[in-house]
Amino acid sequence: MKSVLTKKTTYKGNKSQLPEKICSCCQRSFSWRKKWAKDWDSVKYCSERCRRMKSSQ
């Protein structure tokens, strides 16, 4: 059987093709993660730590 590549498996092993953003807190770039798939447009922070740091300032 041949394996068929779907859109879900397109990025497997090809991290350089993932979309990136800049963190609002630490100004570092971060890549798309599967858990952010539904709300990627609203993601602002690279980590929980940055999210907490920004809200406490």
N, C-alpha and C. Protein backbone atom coordinates (compact mmCIF):
# COMPACT_ATOMS: atom_id res chain seq x y z
N MET A 1 0.83 -1.19 0.00
CA MET A 1 0.00 0.00 0.00
C MET A 1 0.87 1.25 0.00
N LYS A 2 0.46 2.22 -0.76
CA LYS A 2 1.16 3.50 -0.78
C LYS A 2 0.57 4.40 0.29
N SER A 3 1.42 5.14 0.95
CA SER A 3 0.90 6.09 1.93
C SER A 3 0.60 7.40 1.21
N VAL A 4 -0.53 7.95 1.50
CA VAL A 4 -0.96 9.18 0.87
C VAL A 4 -0.70 10.33 1.83
N LEU A 5 0.04 11.34 1.37
CA LEU A 5 0.31 12.50 2.20
C LEU A 5 -0.91 13.40 2.20
N THR A 6 -1.36 13.73 3.38
CA THR A 6 -2.47 14.66 3.51
C THR A 6 -1.95 15.96 4.04
N LYS A 7 -2.79 16.94 4.13
CA LYS A 7 -2.37 18.24 4.62
C LYS A 7 -1.86 18.17 6.06
N LYS A 8 -2.41 17.25 6.85
CA LYS A 8 -2.00 17.10 8.25
C LYS A 8 -0.55 16.63 8.36
N THR A 9 -0.10 15.79 7.45
CA THR A 9 1.25 15.23 7.54
C THR A 9 2.26 15.98 6.68
N THR A 10 1.87 17.07 6.06
CA THR A 10 2.76 17.81 5.18
C THR A 10 3.99 18.31 5.93
N TYR A 11 3.84 18.74 7.16
CA TYR A 11 4.94 19.34 7.91
C TYR A 11 5.81 18.33 8.65
N LYS A 12 5.45 17.07 8.63
CA LYS A 12 6.21 16.06 9.37
C LYS A 12 7.64 16.00 8.86
N GLY A 13 8.58 16.36 9.72
CA GLY A 13 9.99 16.32 9.36
C GLY A 13 10.45 17.51 8.54
N ASN A 14 9.60 18.51 8.35
CA ASN A 14 9.97 19.67 7.55
C ASN A 14 9.63 20.94 8.32
N LYS A 15 10.30 21.14 9.42
CA LYS A 15 9.99 22.24 10.34
C LYS A 15 10.26 23.62 9.74
N SER A 16 11.13 23.72 8.75
CA SER A 16 11.46 25.02 8.18
C SER A 16 10.29 25.61 7.40
N GLN A 17 9.31 24.81 7.03
CA GLN A 17 8.17 25.29 6.27
C GLN A 17 7.00 25.73 7.15
N LEU A 18 7.12 25.59 8.47
CA LEU A 18 6.05 25.99 9.38
C LEU A 18 5.97 27.50 9.48
N PRO A 19 4.76 28.05 9.64
CA PRO A 19 4.64 29.49 9.84
C PRO A 19 5.26 29.91 11.17
N GLU A 20 5.77 31.13 11.21
CA GLU A 20 6.41 31.65 12.42
C GLU A 20 5.80 32.99 12.81
N LYS A 21 5.96 33.31 14.09
CA LYS A 21 5.55 34.61 14.63
C LYS A 21 6.64 35.08 15.59
N ILE A 22 6.55 36.34 15.99
CA ILE A 22 7.45 36.92 16.99
C ILE A 22 6.67 37.07 18.29
N CYS A 23 7.26 36.60 19.37
CA CYS A 23 6.62 36.68 20.69
C CYS A 23 6.50 38.14 21.13
N SER A 24 5.35 38.51 21.65
CA SER A 24 5.11 39.88 22.10
C SER A 24 5.90 40.24 23.34
N CYS A 25 6.32 39.26 24.09
CA CYS A 25 7.03 39.50 25.34
C CYS A 25 8.55 39.48 25.16
N CYS A 26 9.09 38.38 24.64
CA CYS A 26 10.54 38.21 24.57
C CYS A 26 11.14 38.52 23.19
N GLN A 27 10.30 38.81 22.21
CA GLN A 27 10.72 39.16 20.85
C GLN A 27 11.47 38.04 20.13
N ARG A 28 11.31 36.80 20.56
CA ARG A 28 11.91 35.67 19.86
C ARG A 28 10.90 35.09 18.88
N SER A 29 11.41 34.47 17.82
CA SER A 29 10.50 33.84 16.86
C SER A 29 10.10 32.46 17.38
N PHE A 30 8.87 32.07 17.08
CA PHE A 30 8.40 30.74 17.44
C PHE A 30 7.55 30.19 16.31
N SER A 31 7.54 28.87 16.20
CA SER A 31 6.87 28.19 15.09
C SER A 31 5.49 27.68 15.50
N TRP A 32 4.71 27.43 14.48
CA TRP A 32 3.37 26.87 14.63
C TRP A 32 3.44 25.54 15.38
N ARG A 33 2.47 25.32 16.25
CA ARG A 33 2.33 24.04 16.95
C ARG A 33 0.93 23.50 16.71
N LYS A 34 0.84 22.20 16.73
CA LYS A 34 -0.45 21.56 16.45
C LYS A 34 -1.54 22.02 17.42
N LYS A 35 -1.18 22.24 18.69
CA LYS A 35 -2.19 22.65 19.67
C LYS A 35 -2.72 24.06 19.40
N TRP A 36 -2.00 24.84 18.58
CA TRP A 36 -2.44 26.18 18.22
C TRP A 36 -3.18 26.21 16.89
N ALA A 37 -3.45 25.09 16.29
CA ALA A 37 -4.03 25.04 14.95
C ALA A 37 -5.35 25.79 14.84
N LYS A 38 -6.19 25.69 15.84
CA LYS A 38 -7.52 26.31 15.77
C LYS A 38 -7.47 27.82 15.98
N ASP A 39 -6.50 28.31 16.74
CA ASP A 39 -6.46 29.75 17.04
C ASP A 39 -5.10 30.39 16.79
N TRP A 40 -4.43 29.97 15.73
CA TRP A 40 -3.09 30.50 15.41
C TRP A 40 -3.11 32.01 15.25
N ASP A 41 -4.18 32.57 14.72
CA ASP A 41 -4.25 34.02 14.51
C ASP A 41 -4.24 34.80 15.82
N SER A 42 -4.71 34.20 16.90
CA SER A 42 -4.76 34.91 18.18
C SER A 42 -3.58 34.60 19.10
N VAL A 43 -2.68 33.72 18.70
CA VAL A 43 -1.50 33.38 19.52
C VAL A 43 -0.53 34.55 19.49
N LYS A 44 -0.12 35.02 20.68
CA LYS A 44 0.79 36.16 20.79
C LYS A 44 2.11 35.81 21.47
N TYR A 45 2.09 34.78 22.31
CA TYR A 45 3.25 34.47 23.14
C TYR A 45 3.80 33.09 22.81
N CYS A 46 5.11 32.93 22.95
CA CYS A 46 5.77 31.67 22.61
C CYS A 46 5.60 30.61 23.69
N SER A 47 5.32 31.03 24.91
CA SER A 47 5.23 30.07 26.01
C SER A 47 4.27 30.58 27.09
N GLU A 48 3.94 29.70 27.99
CA GLU A 48 3.11 30.07 29.13
C GLU A 48 3.84 31.09 30.00
N ARG A 49 5.14 30.94 30.13
CA ARG A 49 5.95 31.86 30.93
C ARG A 49 5.84 33.29 30.39
N CYS A 50 5.97 33.44 29.08
CA CYS A 50 5.85 34.77 28.48
C CYS A 50 4.45 35.34 28.65
N ARG A 51 3.45 34.50 28.52
CA ARG A 51 2.08 34.95 28.71
C ARG A 51 1.87 35.49 30.12
N ARG A 52 2.39 34.76 31.12
CA ARG A 52 2.26 35.20 32.52
C ARG A 52 3.08 36.44 32.79
N MET A 53 4.27 36.53 32.23
CA MET A 53 5.13 37.70 32.45
C MET A 53 4.48 38.97 31.89
N LYS A 54 3.87 38.86 30.73
CA LYS A 54 3.26 40.02 30.09
C LYS A 54 2.05 40.51 30.88
N SER A 55 1.25 39.59 31.41
CA SER A 55 0.07 39.99 32.15
C SER A 55 0.41 40.56 33.53
N SER A 56 1.57 40.23 34.08
CA SER A 56 1.95 40.74 35.40
C SER A 56 2.65 42.10 35.32
N GLN A 57 3.06 42.49 34.13
CA GLN A 57 3.76 43.78 34.00
C GLN A 57 2.82 44.94 33.87
